[in-house]
C-alpha atoms as a PDB file:
ATOM      1  CA  MET A   1      43.389 174.732  52.083  1.00  0.00           C
ATOM      2  CA  THR A   2      43.651 178.038  53.928  1.00  0.00           C
ATOM      3  CA  VAL A   3      47.038 179.836  53.990  1.00  0.00           C
ATOM      4  CA  ALA A   4      48.181 180.252  57.624  1.00  0.00           C
ATOM      5  CA  VAL A   5      49.655 183.643  56.830  1.00  0.00           C
ATOM      6  CA  GLN A   6      47.423 186.568  58.177  1.00  0.00           C
ATOM      7  CA  THR A   7      46.224 189.247  55.592  1.00  0.00           C
ATOM      8  CA  GLY A   8      48.050 192.682  56.060  1.00  0.00           C
ATOM      9  CA  THR A   9      51.206 194.340  55.222  1.00  0.00           C
ATOM     10  CA  TRP A  10      54.376 192.564  56.040  1.00  0.00           C
ATOM     11  CA  GLN A  11      58.209 193.867  56.326  1.00  0.00           C
ATOM     12  CA  LEU A  12      61.152 191.866  55.592  1.00  0.00           C
ATOM     13  CA  ASP A  13      63.375 191.646  58.834  1.00  0.00           C
ATOM     14  CA  PRO A  14      67.032 192.062  57.372  1.00  0.00           C
ATOM     15  CA  ALA A  15      68.600 190.962  60.868  1.00  0.00           C
ATOM     16  CA  ALA A  16      66.839 187.742  60.613  1.00  0.00           C
ATOM     17  CA  SER A  17      67.083 187.078  56.905  1.00  0.00           C
ATOM     18  CA  THR A  18      69.766 185.540  54.559  1.00  0.00           C
ATOM     19  CA  VAL A  19      70.113 185.189  50.784  1.00  0.00           C
ATOM     20  CA  ALA A  20      73.387 183.447  49.646  1.00  0.00           C
ATOM     21  CA  LEU A  21      74.638 181.915  46.370  1.00  0.00           C
ATOM     22  CA  ARG A  22      77.109 179.247  45.508  1.00  0.00           C
ATOM     23  CA  HIS A  23      78.715 178.428  42.156  1.00  0.00           C
ATOM     24  CA  ARG A  24      81.033 175.593  41.152  1.00  0.00           C
ATOM     25  CA  THR A  25      84.026 176.945  39.438  1.00  0.00           C
ATOM     26  CA  LEU A  26      87.440 175.835  38.576  1.00  0.00           C
ATOM     27  CA  TRP A  27      86.064 173.107  36.255  1.00  0.00           C
ATOM     28  CA  GLY A  28      83.579 172.133  38.997  1.00  0.00           C
ATOM     29  CA  LEU A  29      86.605 171.475  41.626  1.00  0.00           C
ATOM     30  CA  VAL A  30      85.922 174.553  43.829  1.00  0.00           C
ATOM     31  CA  THR A  31      82.413 176.246  45.139  1.00  0.00           C
ATOM     32  CA  VAL A  32      82.263 179.809  45.664  1.00  0.00           C
ATOM     33  CA  LYS A  33      79.914 180.702  48.262  1.00  0.00           C
ATOM     34  CA  GLY A  34      78.773 184.353  49.046  1.00  0.00           C
ATOM     35  CA  THR A  35      76.067 186.105  50.953  1.00  0.00           C
ATOM     36  CA  PHE A  36      74.196 189.481  50.149  1.00  0.00           C
ATOM     37  CA  THR A  37      74.736 191.421  53.265  1.00  0.00           C
ATOM     38  CA  ALA A  38      72.019 194.182  52.353  1.00  0.00           C
ATOM     39  CA  VAL A  39      68.489 192.465  51.998  1.00  0.00           C
ATOM     40  CA  SER A  40      65.106 194.410  52.032  1.00  0.00           C
ATOM     41  CA  GLY A  41      61.606 193.862  51.183  1.00  0.00           C
ATOM     42  CA  SER A  42      57.981 193.939  51.872  1.00  0.00           C
ATOM     43  CA  GLY A  43      54.839 192.269  51.145  1.00  0.00           C
ATOM     44  CA  GLU A  44      50.892 192.070  51.131  1.00  0.00           C
ATOM     45  CA  VAL A  45      48.802 189.012  51.750  1.00  0.00           C
ATOM     46  CA  ARG A  46      45.323 190.203  50.438  1.00  0.00           C
ATOM     47  CA  PRO A  47      41.958 189.206  52.057  1.00  0.00           C
ATOM     48  CA  ASP A  48      41.308 186.664  48.944  1.00  0.00           C
ATOM     49  CA  GLY A  49      44.600 184.948  50.004  1.00  0.00           C
ATOM     50  CA  SER A  50      46.521 186.656  46.931  1.00  0.00           C
ATOM     51  CA  ALA A  51      50.028 187.993  47.809  1.00  0.00           C
ATOM     52  CA  ALA A  52      52.391 190.397  46.133  1.00  0.00           C
ATOM     53  CA  GLY A  53      55.660 191.913  46.995  1.00  0.00           C
ATOM     54  CA  THR A  54      59.465 192.507  46.487  1.00  0.00           C
ATOM     55  CA  VAL A  55      62.762 191.344  47.998  1.00  0.00           C
ATOM     56  CA  THR A  56      65.632 193.511  46.932  1.00  0.00           C
ATOM     57  CA  LEU A  57      69.234 192.709  47.378  1.00  0.00           C
ATOM     58  CA  ASP A  58      72.007 195.213  46.979  1.00  0.00           C
ATOM     59  CA  ALA A  59      74.244 193.781  44.400  1.00  0.00           C
ATOM     60  CA  ALA A  60      77.468 195.498  45.632  1.00  0.00           C
ATOM     61  CA  SER A  61      76.662 193.675  49.105  1.00  0.00           C
ATOM     62  CA  LEU A  62      77.716 190.178  47.905  1.00  0.00           C
ATOM     63  CA  ASP A  63      80.502 189.001  50.378  1.00  0.00           C
ATOM     64  CA  THR A  64      82.236 186.008  49.205  1.00  0.00           C
ATOM     65  CA  ARG A  65      85.129 186.678  52.028  1.00  0.00           C
ATOM     66  CA  HIS A  66      87.744 187.514  49.106  1.00  0.00           C
ATOM     67  CA  ALA A  67      88.210 191.106  48.262  1.00  0.00           C
ATOM     68  CA  LYS A  68      89.540 190.648  44.820  1.00  0.00           C
ATOM     69  CA  ARG A  69      86.816 188.193  43.774  1.00  0.00           C
ATOM     70  CA  ASP A  70      84.123 190.370  45.219  1.00  0.00           C
ATOM     71  CA  THR A  71      85.425 193.645  43.202  1.00  0.00           C
ATOM     72  CA  HIS A  72      85.333 191.109  40.090  1.00  0.00           C
ATOM     73  CA  LEU A  73      81.654 189.964  40.898  1.00  0.00           C
ATOM     74  CA  ARG A  74      80.668 193.793  41.068  1.00  0.00           C
ATOM     75  CA  SER A  75      82.256 194.603  37.842  1.00  0.00           C
ATOM     76  CA  ALA A  76      80.585 194.652  34.414  1.00  0.00           C
ATOM     77  CA  ASP A  77      81.735 190.969  34.054  1.00  0.00           C
ATOM     78  CA  PHE A  78      79.064 189.911  36.494  1.00  0.00           C
ATOM     79  CA  PHE A  79      76.493 191.889  38.431  1.00  0.00           C
ATOM     80  CA  ASP A  80      77.523 195.395  37.025  1.00  0.00           C
ATOM     81  CA  ALA A  81      76.605 196.777  40.410  1.00  0.00           C
ATOM     82  CA  GLY A  82      77.754 200.422  39.532  1.00  0.00           C
ATOM     83  CA  THR A  83      74.798 200.543  36.636  1.00  0.00           C
ATOM     84  CA  HIS A  84      72.572 198.118  38.145  1.00  0.00           C
ATOM     85  CA  PRO A  85      72.771 198.349  41.945  1.00  0.00           C
ATOM     86  CA  GLU A  86      69.852 196.149  42.892  1.00  0.00           C
ATOM     87  CA  ILE A  87      68.571 192.791  42.265  1.00  0.00           C
ATOM     88  CA  THR A  88      64.963 192.108  42.786  1.00  0.00           C
ATOM     89  CA  PHE A  89      62.419 189.405  42.868  1.00  0.00           C
ATOM     90  CA  ALA A  90      58.754 190.972  42.463  1.00  0.00           C
ATOM     91  CA  VAL A  91      56.237 188.493  43.701  1.00  0.00           C
ATOM     92  CA  ARG A  92      53.203 188.333  41.659  1.00  0.00           C
ATOM     93  CA  GLY A  93      51.556 185.461  43.368  1.00  0.00           C
ATOM     94  CA  ALA A  94      51.730 182.916  46.248  1.00  0.00           C
ATOM     95  CA  ASP A  95      49.942 179.492  46.249  1.00  0.00           C
ATOM     96  CA  ARG A  96      49.761 177.125  49.205  1.00  0.00           C
ATOM     97  CA  LEU A  97      50.759 173.805  48.495  1.00  0.00           C
ATOM     98  CA  ASP A  98      50.412 170.448  50.431  1.00  0.00           C
ATOM     99  CA  GLY A  99      52.017 170.705  53.905  1.00  0.00           C
ATOM    100  CA  ASP A 100      54.280 173.696  54.522  1.00  0.00           C
ATOM    101  CA  GLY A 101      54.960 174.315  50.864  1.00  0.00           C
ATOM    102  CA  VAL A 102      54.142 177.646  48.817  1.00  0.00           C
ATOM    103  CA  ARG A 103      54.590 178.030  45.065  1.00  0.00           C
ATOM    104  CA  ILE A 104      55.876 181.740  44.450  1.00  0.00           C
ATOM    105  CA  THR A 105      55.555 183.281  41.091  1.00  0.00           C
ATOM    106  CA  GLY A 106      57.284 186.600  40.012  1.00  0.00           C
ATOM    107  CA  GLN A 107      60.002 188.064  38.157  1.00  0.00           C
ATOM    108  CA  LEU A 108      63.720 187.990  38.935  1.00  0.00           C
ATOM    109  CA  THR A 109      65.690 190.994  37.904  1.00  0.00           C
ATOM    110  CA  VAL A 110      69.479 191.078  37.604  1.00  0.00           C
ATOM    111  CA  ARG A 111      71.388 193.572  35.529  1.00  0.00           C
ATOM    112  CA  GLY A 112      68.228 195.254  34.610  1.00  0.00           C
ATOM    113  CA  ILE A 113      66.942 192.088  32.839  1.00  0.00           C
ATOM    114  CA  GLY A 114      63.925 190.669  34.070  1.00  0.00           C
ATOM    115  CA  ARG A 115      62.867 186.988  33.850  1.00  0.00           C
ATOM    116  CA  PRO A 116      59.742 185.157  35.115  1.00  0.00           C
ATOM    117  CA  MET A 117      60.448 182.658  37.807  1.00  0.00           C
ATOM    118  CA  THR A 118      58.309 180.014  39.787  1.00  0.00           C
ATOM    119  CA  LEU A 119      60.023 178.610  42.760  1.00  0.00           C
ATOM    120  CA  THR A 120      58.780 176.744  45.870  1.00  0.00           C
ATOM    121  CA  ALA A 121      59.403 177.863  49.394  1.00  0.00           C
ATOM    122  CA  ARG A 122      58.735 176.304  52.859  1.00  0.00           C
ATOM    123  CA  LEU A 123      56.818 177.859  55.713  1.00  0.00           C
ATOM    124  CA  THR A 124      59.301 177.144  58.456  1.00  0.00           C
ATOM    125  CA  GLY A 125      57.724 179.683  61.122  1.00  0.00           C
ATOM    126  CA  THR A 126      54.108 181.209  61.013  1.00  0.00           C
ATOM    127  CA  GLY A 127      52.559 183.104  63.761  1.00  0.00           C
ATOM    128  CA  ALA A 128      50.019 186.167  63.905  1.00  0.00           C
ATOM    129  CA  ASP A 129      52.867 188.659  63.603  1.00  0.00           C
ATOM    130  CA  ALA A 130      55.835 186.543  61.954  1.00  0.00           C
ATOM    131  CA  VAL A 131      56.488 184.352  58.829  1.00  0.00           C
ATOM    132  CA  THR A 132      59.657 182.728  57.734  1.00  0.00           C
ATOM    133  CA  LEU A 133      60.141 181.219  54.195  1.00  0.00           C
ATOM    134  CA  GLU A 134      62.930 179.209  53.079  1.00  0.00           C
ATOM    135  CA  THR A 135      63.841 178.268  49.450  1.00  0.00           C
ATOM    136  CA  GLU A 136      66.547 176.994  47.471  1.00  0.00           C
ATOM    137  CA  PHE A 137      66.660 177.417  43.320  1.00  0.00           C
ATOM    138  CA  THR A 138      69.005 177.561  40.515  1.00  0.00           C
ATOM    139  CA  VAL A 139      69.659 180.402  38.131  1.00  0.00           C
ATOM    140  CA  ASP A 140      71.403 180.284  34.805  1.00  0.00           C
ATOM    141  CA  ARG A 141      73.502 183.486  35.018  1.00  0.00           C
ATOM    142  CA  GLU A 142      73.546 183.613  31.146  1.00  0.00           C
ATOM    143  CA  GLN A 143      69.962 184.420  31.152  1.00  0.00           C
ATOM    144  CA  PHE A 144      70.914 187.962  32.656  1.00  0.00           C
ATOM    145  CA  ALA A 145      74.015 188.436  30.551  1.00  0.00           C
ATOM    146  CA  MET A 146      76.566 187.041  32.985  1.00  0.00           C
ATOM    147  CA  GLY A 147      78.526 184.811  30.427  1.00  0.00           C
ATOM    148  CA  TRP A 148      81.777 185.673  31.727  1.00  0.00           C
ATOM    149  CA  ASN A 149      83.791 182.371  31.775  1.00  0.00           C
ATOM    150  CA  GLN A 150      87.389 182.623  31.307  1.00  0.00           C
ATOM    151  CA  LEU A 151      88.992 179.226  30.236  1.00  0.00           C
ATOM    152  CA  GLY A 152      85.704 177.635  30.754  1.00  0.00           C
ATOM    153  CA  MET A 153      86.022 177.763  34.358  1.00  0.00           C
ATOM    154  CA  MET A 154      82.414 178.539  35.284  1.00  0.00           C
ATOM    155  CA  ARG A 155      79.682 176.021  33.915  1.00  0.00           C
ATOM    156  CA  GLY A 156      76.442 175.091  35.209  1.00  0.00           C
ATOM    157  CA  LEU A 157      73.825 176.749  37.283  1.00  0.00           C
ATOM    158  CA  THR A 158      74.188 179.180  40.199  1.00  0.00           C
ATOM    159  CA  THR A 159      72.314 178.099  43.458  1.00  0.00           C
ATOM    160  CA  VAL A 160      70.446 180.630  45.501  1.00  0.00           C
ATOM    161  CA  THR A 161      69.488 179.982  49.046  1.00  0.00           C
ATOM    162  CA  ALA A 162      67.176 182.295  50.869  1.00  0.00           C
ATOM    163  CA  GLY A 163      65.844 182.621  54.584  1.00  0.00           C
ATOM    164  CA  LEU A 164      63.281 185.397  54.718  1.00  0.00           C
ATOM    165  CA  ARG A 165      61.755 186.635  57.862  1.00  0.00           C
ATOM    166  CA  PHE A 166      58.645 189.066  57.613  1.00  0.00           C
ATOM    167  CA  THR A 167      56.932 190.616  60.290  1.00  0.00           C
ATOM    168  CA  ARG A 168      53.418 191.847  60.144  1.00  0.00           C
ATOM    169  CA  THR A 169      53.233 195.709  60.425  1.00  0.00           C
ATOM    170  CA  ALA A 170      50.703 197.654  62.409  1.00  0.00           C
ATOM    171  CA  SER A 171      47.494 198.426  60.438  1.00  0.00           C
END
């Protein structure tokens, strides 16, 4: 099946894109939700249909609407934003699946630790000059040296939800 996305260079539209996370804490009784307010990225779709690109989050831009918690999340217990200011997902490839699905392979880097990751996204809007991808996946924060877990309050995986709109740049 031919990918409906046009070849060329694509730029992330930060005003039309969101990356959020949620994690159950307090022994599963409370769900902490947050949104990264600074998101950037770009990509390229090559004539052979292959794709590559990067999405970058400003680690210090995570907003959970609780200032004390946000400060803690930026600390060395979690994102260590002072030492590792960026979270990146480097796309190595994208394959069209049935319907509107896309399998994306790449590397997620948090706190300077890179791990391979494959996720499935949905094309929710495609056109000659814009494309929107939506995805939801889970991350084991301990794989990125974020094992802080006072009194066992934080267990399980963190869910990341992203809606990313890209616009095609002029050739």
